[in-house]
N, C-alpha and C. Protein backbone atom coordinates (compact mmCIF):
# COMPACT_ATOMS: atom_id res chain seq x y z
N MET A 1 189.13 115.60 161.76
CA MET A 1 189.28 114.70 162.40
C MET A 1 190.77 114.57 163.33
N ASP A 2 190.18 114.01 164.39
CA ASP A 2 191.70 114.22 165.10
C ASP A 2 192.87 112.88 165.32
N VAL A 3 192.38 111.78 164.61
CA VAL A 3 192.66 111.21 164.33
C VAL A 3 193.84 110.87 163.20
N VAL A 4 195.01 109.82 163.23
CA VAL A 4 194.86 109.35 161.59
C VAL A 4 194.98 107.85 162.08
N LEU A 5 194.94 107.15 161.79
CA LEU A 5 194.91 105.36 161.43
C LEU A 5 195.81 104.63 161.32
N ALA A 6 196.29 103.83 161.72
CA ALA A 6 197.73 103.21 161.84
C ALA A 6 197.00 101.66 161.18
N PRO A 7 197.87 100.88 160.33
CA PRO A 7 197.99 100.06 158.95
C PRO A 7 196.74 98.94 159.88
N ASP A 8 197.34 98.42 160.90
CA ASP A 8 196.62 97.79 161.60
C ASP A 8 194.62 97.82 160.98
N ILE A 9 194.31 99.26 161.33
CA ILE A 9 193.67 99.29 161.58
C ILE A 9 192.64 99.61 159.72
N TYR A 10 193.07 99.43 159.20
CA TYR A 10 192.44 99.39 157.41
C TYR A 10 192.55 97.89 157.70
N VAL A 11 193.68 97.16 158.19
CA VAL A 11 193.32 95.87 157.78
C VAL A 11 192.20 95.27 158.39
N ASN A 12 191.79 95.34 159.78
CA ASN A 12 191.20 94.40 160.22
C ASN A 12 190.36 94.98 159.63
N ALA A 13 189.59 96.22 159.44
CA ALA A 13 188.63 96.67 158.61
C ALA A 13 188.03 96.16 157.57
N SER A 14 189.26 96.08 156.75
CA SER A 14 189.13 94.97 155.53
C SER A 14 188.92 93.94 155.64
N VAL A 15 189.01 93.29 157.14
CA VAL A 15 188.79 91.91 157.42
C VAL A 15 188.19 91.72 157.44
N ALA A 16 187.19 91.93 158.74
CA ALA A 16 186.29 91.82 159.96
C ALA A 16 184.96 92.81 159.75
N LEU A 17 184.08 92.77 158.85
CA LEU A 17 183.13 93.51 159.02
C LEU A 17 182.03 93.44 159.77
N GLY A 18 181.86 94.76 161.22
CA GLY A 18 181.36 94.70 162.24
C GLY A 18 182.05 94.65 163.11
N SER A 19 183.59 94.38 162.75
CA SER A 19 184.12 94.13 164.28
C SER A 19 184.09 96.64 164.36
N PRO A 20 185.37 96.53 165.51
CA PRO A 20 185.49 97.71 165.90
C PRO A 20 186.49 98.20 164.57
N PRO A 21 187.23 98.19 164.63
CA PRO A 21 188.04 98.78 163.43
C PRO A 21 187.56 98.86 162.15
N GLU A 22 186.67 97.84 161.92
CA GLU A 22 185.54 98.50 160.70
C GLU A 22 184.69 99.72 161.12
N HIS A 23 183.83 99.66 162.02
CA HIS A 23 183.13 100.54 162.67
C HIS A 23 184.26 102.48 162.34
N ALA A 24 185.24 102.17 163.26
CA ALA A 24 186.01 103.50 163.19
C ALA A 24 186.88 103.87 162.10
N VAL A 25 186.36 103.18 161.18
CA VAL A 25 187.04 103.49 159.27
C VAL A 25 185.76 103.86 158.81
N ARG A 26 185.14 103.36 159.46
CA ARG A 26 183.66 103.95 158.35
C ARG A 26 183.16 105.94 159.15
N ARG A 27 183.43 105.93 160.52
CA ARG A 27 183.00 107.15 161.06
C ARG A 27 184.74 107.19 160.76
N ALA A 28 185.78 107.60 161.11
CA ALA A 28 186.79 107.91 160.27
C ALA A 28 186.06 108.74 159.37
N PHE A 29 186.07 107.61 158.07
CA PHE A 29 185.77 108.14 156.40
C PHE A 29 184.45 108.78 156.48
N GLY A 30 183.93 108.93 157.64
CA GLY A 30 182.49 109.78 157.26
C GLY A 30 182.97 111.41 158.04
N ALA A 31 183.83 111.47 158.53
CA ALA A 31 184.39 112.91 159.04
C ALA A 31 184.14 113.84 158.25
N SER A 32 184.82 115.68 158.36
CA SER A 32 184.24 116.46 157.26
C SER A 32 185.92 116.50 156.89
N GLY A 33 186.44 116.31 155.34
CA GLY A 33 187.64 116.00 154.80
C GLY A 33 187.93 114.75 154.89
N LYS A 34 189.47 114.61 153.97
CA LYS A 34 189.88 113.31 154.15
C LYS A 34 191.05 112.76 155.43
N PRO A 35 191.08 111.44 155.39
CA PRO A 35 191.74 111.33 156.63
C PRO A 35 193.43 111.15 156.54
N LYS A 36 193.87 111.21 156.59
CA LYS A 36 195.84 112.03 156.30
C LYS A 36 196.00 109.95 156.35
N ALA A 37 196.85 109.99 155.04
CA ALA A 37 197.83 108.58 155.70
C ALA A 37 198.92 109.06 155.43
N SER A 38 200.07 108.47 155.31
CA SER A 38 201.07 108.79 154.98
C SER A 38 202.11 107.12 153.95
N SER A 39 203.24 107.46 152.76
CA SER A 39 203.41 105.88 151.79
C SER A 39 203.20 104.83 153.07
N TRP A 40 204.04 104.96 153.89
CA TRP A 40 204.56 103.93 154.98
C TRP A 40 202.80 103.17 155.10
N VAL A 41 201.83 103.88 155.86
CA VAL A 41 200.45 103.39 155.94
C VAL A 41 199.90 102.29 154.64
N ILE A 42 200.25 103.21 153.66
CA ILE A 42 199.84 102.35 152.42
C ILE A 42 200.41 101.44 152.69
N GLU A 43 201.75 101.06 152.03
CA GLU A 43 202.53 99.69 152.17
C GLU A 43 202.12 99.05 153.19
N ARG A 44 202.36 99.07 154.23
CA ARG A 44 202.09 97.90 155.31
C ARG A 44 200.71 97.46 155.34
N VAL A 45 199.74 98.70 154.84
CA VAL A 45 198.09 97.87 154.55
C VAL A 45 198.36 96.85 153.09
N GLU A 46 198.93 97.02 152.16
CA GLU A 46 198.60 96.09 150.78
C GLU A 46 199.76 95.11 151.41
N SER A 47 200.41 95.31 152.10
CA SER A 47 201.89 93.74 152.58
C SER A 47 200.96 93.17 153.55
N MET A 48 200.72 94.32 154.42
CA MET A 48 199.59 92.94 155.33
C MET A 48 198.07 92.68 155.28
N LEU A 49 197.11 92.77 153.89
CA LEU A 49 196.59 91.67 152.96
C LEU A 49 196.54 91.35 151.92
N HIS A 50 197.80 91.47 151.54
CA HIS A 50 198.79 90.51 150.54
C HIS A 50 199.10 88.98 151.44
N ALA A 51 198.91 89.01 152.96
CA ALA A 51 199.76 88.42 153.48
C ALA A 51 198.28 87.23 154.51
N ILE A 52 197.32 87.66 154.58
CA ILE A 52 195.99 86.97 154.34
C ILE A 52 195.66 86.01 153.51
N PRO A 53 195.86 85.17 153.32
CA PRO A 53 195.44 84.11 152.06
C PRO A 53 193.63 84.17 151.99
N GLU A 54 193.24 84.81 152.80
CA GLU A 54 191.75 84.40 151.79
C GLU A 54 191.44 84.86 150.99
N PHE A 55 192.25 86.46 151.34
CA PHE A 55 192.37 88.04 150.48
C PHE A 55 193.16 87.23 149.10
N LYS A 56 192.16 87.61 148.18
CA LYS A 56 193.20 87.04 146.92
C LYS A 56 194.07 88.48 146.17
N SER A 57 195.02 88.25 144.98
CA SER A 57 195.81 89.18 144.60
C SER A 57 195.02 90.72 143.79
N ASP A 58 193.77 89.83 143.13
CA ASP A 58 192.72 91.23 142.95
C ASP A 58 191.94 92.14 143.84
N ALA A 59 191.19 91.15 144.78
CA ALA A 59 190.92 91.79 146.42
C ALA A 59 192.07 92.66 146.55
N VAL A 60 192.76 92.30 147.01
CA VAL A 60 193.85 93.48 147.11
C VAL A 60 194.12 94.75 146.52
N THR A 61 194.20 94.98 145.18
CA THR A 61 194.27 95.22 144.68
C THR A 61 193.64 96.00 144.82
N ARG A 62 191.48 95.84 144.79
CA ARG A 62 190.29 96.99 144.96
C ARG A 62 190.47 97.48 146.34
N GLN A 63 190.36 97.06 146.55
CA GLN A 63 190.90 97.31 148.23
C GLN A 63 191.87 99.09 148.56
N MET A 64 192.92 98.08 147.24
CA MET A 64 193.92 99.54 147.73
C MET A 64 193.62 100.85 147.04
N THR A 65 193.04 100.46 146.12
CA THR A 65 192.05 101.91 145.07
C THR A 65 191.81 102.31 146.17
N THR A 66 190.15 101.47 146.76
CA THR A 66 189.25 102.22 147.41
C THR A 66 189.88 102.50 148.78
N ILE A 67 191.27 102.29 149.36
CA ILE A 67 191.94 103.46 150.39
C ILE A 67 192.44 104.25 149.96
N ARG A 68 192.77 104.56 148.83
CA ARG A 68 193.99 105.41 148.24
C ARG A 68 193.11 106.47 147.76
N GLY A 69 191.63 105.93 147.23
CA GLY A 69 190.79 107.06 147.07
C GLY A 69 189.85 107.55 147.92
N LEU A 70 189.94 107.08 149.73
CA LEU A 70 189.70 107.89 150.57
C LEU A 70 190.03 108.40 151.52
N VAL A 71 191.64 108.74 151.43
CA VAL A 71 192.72 109.53 152.01
C VAL A 71 193.31 110.40 151.39
N ASP A 72 193.94 111.34 151.89
CA ASP A 72 195.12 112.30 151.45
C ASP A 72 196.33 111.71 152.73
N VAL A 73 197.26 111.65 150.77
CA VAL A 73 198.50 110.90 151.85
C VAL A 73 199.64 112.29 151.68
N VAL A 74 200.15 112.04 152.76
CA VAL A 74 201.19 113.09 153.48
C VAL A 74 202.64 112.98 153.14
N GLU A 75 203.56 113.60 153.00
CA GLU A 75 205.23 113.21 152.91
C GLU A 75 205.06 112.96 154.79
N THR A 76 205.81 112.27 154.94
CA THR A 76 206.49 112.03 156.22
C THR A 76 207.86 110.86 156.35
N GLY A 77 208.51 111.04 155.22
CA GLY A 77 209.83 110.65 154.88
C GLY A 77 209.79 109.28 155.09
N GLU A 78 211.01 108.46 154.91
CA GLU A 78 211.70 107.38 155.33
C GLU A 78 211.23 106.40 156.29
N PHE A 79 211.13 105.09 156.44
CA PHE A 79 210.89 104.26 157.64
C PHE A 79 211.17 102.98 157.04
N PHE A 80 211.40 102.15 157.90
CA PHE A 80 211.64 100.59 157.86
C PHE A 80 210.21 100.38 157.83
N ILE A 81 209.73 98.54 157.32
CA ILE A 81 209.06 97.85 158.09
C ILE A 81 209.01 98.08 159.82
N GLU A 82 209.72 97.83 159.83
CA GLU A 82 209.21 97.60 161.63
C GLU A 82 209.11 98.83 162.47
N ASP A 83 209.00 99.77 161.49
CA ASP A 83 209.50 101.55 162.46
C ASP A 83 207.82 101.92 162.81
N TRP A 84 207.05 101.54 163.22
CA TRP A 84 206.13 101.57 163.23
C TRP A 84 205.65 103.09 164.26
N ASP A 85 205.90 102.88 165.35
CA ASP A 85 206.01 103.95 166.19
C ASP A 85 205.98 105.60 165.44
N HIS A 86 207.21 105.20 165.24
CA HIS A 86 208.08 106.52 164.89
C HIS A 86 207.37 107.13 163.15
N ALA A 87 206.87 106.21 162.42
CA ALA A 87 205.93 105.95 161.56
C ALA A 87 205.13 106.26 161.40
N LEU A 88 204.73 105.99 162.35
CA LEU A 88 202.68 106.91 162.77
C LEU A 88 203.14 107.90 163.51
N VAL A 89 204.02 108.24 164.42
CA VAL A 89 204.46 109.51 165.02
C VAL A 89 204.19 110.46 163.65
N ALA A 90 205.30 109.82 163.26
CA ALA A 90 205.54 111.49 161.88
C ALA A 90 204.51 111.69 161.07
N LEU A 91 203.30 110.21 161.01
CA LEU A 91 202.03 111.01 160.08
C LEU A 91 201.42 111.66 161.00
N ALA A 92 201.02 111.61 162.27
CA ALA A 92 200.06 112.71 162.81
C ALA A 92 200.61 114.25 162.73
N LYS A 93 202.01 113.52 162.97
CA LYS A 93 202.62 115.23 163.36
C LYS A 93 202.34 116.07 161.97
N ALA A 94 202.12 114.59 161.18
CA ALA A 94 202.12 115.98 159.41
C ALA A 94 201.07 115.94 159.69
N ALA A 95 199.76 115.33 160.09
CA ALA A 95 198.58 115.24 159.90
C ALA A 95 197.88 116.49 160.54
N GLY A 96 199.29 116.82 162.30
CA GLY A 96 198.69 117.54 162.84
C GLY A 96 197.28 117.03 163.63
N VAL A 97 198.18 115.88 164.13
CA VAL A 97 196.70 115.52 165.08
C VAL A 97 198.03 114.44 166.25
N ALA A 98 197.83 114.69 167.53
CA ALA A 98 198.26 113.94 168.10
C ALA A 98 197.99 112.48 168.62
N ARG A 99 196.89 112.15 168.04
CA ARG A 99 196.48 110.80 168.14
C ARG A 99 196.77 109.79 167.24
N VAL A 100 196.82 108.53 167.13
CA VAL A 100 197.15 107.65 166.38
C VAL A 100 196.16 106.41 167.13
N LEU A 101 194.73 105.95 165.96
CA LEU A 101 193.98 105.37 166.68
C LEU A 101 194.53 103.37 165.54
N THR A 102 194.67 102.98 166.13
CA THR A 102 195.58 101.61 167.06
C THR A 102 195.78 100.10 167.38
N ASP A 103 194.72 99.14 167.17
CA ASP A 103 195.04 98.03 168.43
C ASP A 103 196.13 97.39 168.44
N HIS A 104 197.20 98.00 168.09
CA HIS A 104 198.39 96.83 167.78
C HIS A 104 198.67 97.05 169.57
N PRO A 105 199.43 95.83 170.21
CA PRO A 105 199.00 96.02 171.54
C PRO A 105 200.29 96.30 171.74
N ASP A 106 201.62 96.44 170.80
CA ASP A 106 202.35 97.14 171.79
C ASP A 106 203.02 98.49 171.73
N LEU A 107 201.95 98.93 170.62
CA LEU A 107 201.68 100.87 170.54
C LEU A 107 200.99 100.89 171.79
N LEU A 108 199.66 100.23 172.35
CA LEU A 108 198.87 100.68 173.04
C LEU A 108 199.79 100.44 174.61
N ALA A 109 200.54 99.58 174.51
CA ALA A 109 201.13 99.25 175.58
C ALA A 109 201.84 100.87 175.66
N SER A 110 202.13 101.32 174.65
CA SER A 110 203.35 102.48 174.94
C SER A 110 202.24 103.35 175.33
N LYS A 111 201.74 103.69 175.14
CA LYS A 111 200.80 105.09 175.11
C LYS A 111 200.90 105.79 174.37
N SER A 112 201.99 106.46 174.64
CA SER A 112 202.51 107.64 173.39
C SER A 112 203.77 107.55 173.53
N VAL A 113 204.34 107.81 172.14
CA VAL A 113 205.91 108.63 171.82
C VAL A 113 205.48 110.18 171.42
N ASP A 114 206.50 111.11 171.82
CA ASP A 114 207.09 111.64 171.20
C ASP A 114 205.71 113.09 171.73
N GLY A 115 205.13 112.93 172.10
CA GLY A 115 203.64 113.49 172.92
C GLY A 115 202.55 113.17 172.10
N VAL A 116 202.44 111.98 170.84
CA VAL A 116 201.61 111.32 170.62
C VAL A 116 200.62 110.16 171.37
N GLU A 117 199.37 109.94 171.21
CA GLU A 117 199.42 109.09 172.56
C GLU A 117 198.49 108.04 171.03
N PHE A 118 198.85 107.12 171.44
CA PHE A 118 197.98 105.71 171.00
C PHE A 118 196.81 105.32 171.38
N VAL A 119 195.57 105.06 170.20
CA VAL A 119 194.15 104.80 171.43
C VAL A 119 193.55 103.71 170.70
N SER A 120 192.92 102.96 170.72
CA SER A 120 192.53 101.87 170.70
C SER A 120 191.11 101.74 169.95
N SER A 121 190.97 101.22 169.41
CA SER A 121 189.45 101.95 168.32
C SER A 121 188.21 101.15 168.99
N ASP A 122 188.17 100.42 169.99
CA ASP A 122 187.00 100.35 171.43
C ASP A 122 187.38 101.22 171.98
N ASN A 123 188.23 102.21 172.16
CA ASN A 123 188.29 103.21 172.82
C ASN A 123 187.92 104.58 172.42
N TRP A 124 188.32 104.69 171.41
CA TRP A 124 187.47 105.68 170.27
C TRP A 124 186.97 106.17 170.14
N LEU A 125 185.48 104.98 170.21
CA LEU A 125 184.92 104.52 170.03
C LEU A 125 183.72 104.63 170.83
N GLY A 126 184.20 104.64 172.05
CA GLY A 126 183.20 104.70 173.28
C GLY A 126 183.42 106.76 173.72
N GLU A 127 183.90 106.93 173.04
CA GLU A 127 184.39 109.06 172.86
C GLU A 127 183.60 109.38 171.97
N GLN A 128 184.11 108.56 171.14
CA GLN A 128 182.88 108.95 169.50
C GLN A 128 181.37 109.33 170.31
N ALA A 129 180.58 108.41 171.26
CA ALA A 129 180.18 108.25 171.51
C ALA A 129 179.65 109.30 172.51
N ALA A 130 180.08 109.16 172.95
CA ALA A 130 179.94 109.56 174.73
C ALA A 130 179.27 111.33 174.44
N PRO A 131 178.20 111.38 175.00
CA PRO A 131 178.29 112.83 174.89
C PRO A 131 179.39 114.38 175.72
N PRO A 132 178.82 115.28 175.10
CA PRO A 132 180.07 116.52 175.65
C PRO A 132 180.15 116.55 176.89
N PRO A 133 180.91 116.67 177.49
CA PRO A 133 180.61 117.46 178.74
C PRO A 133 180.60 118.43 179.34
N PRO A 134 179.88 118.48 180.11
CA PRO A 134 179.10 119.76 180.45
C PRO A 134 180.16 121.01 180.47
N PRO A 135 179.21 122.37 180.35
CA PRO A 135 180.40 123.37 180.17
C PRO A 135 180.44 123.60 181.54
N SER A 136 181.01 124.14 181.93
CA SER A 136 182.30 124.73 183.11
C SER A 136 181.24 125.81 183.70
N VAL A 137 181.22 126.00 185.01
CA VAL A 137 180.77 126.85 185.61
C VAL A 137 181.68 128.14 186.18
């Protein structure tokens, strides 16, 4: 697993079946090992799902149980709700990866923070589907 997933990817995948985030989550969860998440990510996902009127409380509970069972939660420290960039950079570093999968426009606009790159689900899926480069001679 070469990326960690931002909260918006989990939420979009939970809501929009057949969307690029849903495909990205399936691919990420299908990789060897469990994807890493942080308490901050889990809390944001749950909060965002509760804010969607179509997602009833019991559906949020079931979805969060599923997500918690599919990830390894790593400690990254405490962050405020709005500290997306810092919280996700800390998660990436704790997980030992240099990229965060997100479709959050502000994060994608910054491209990278402190050596951690923000990549859209569309771009990441394209990378996954592309054949490896030819060996150099």
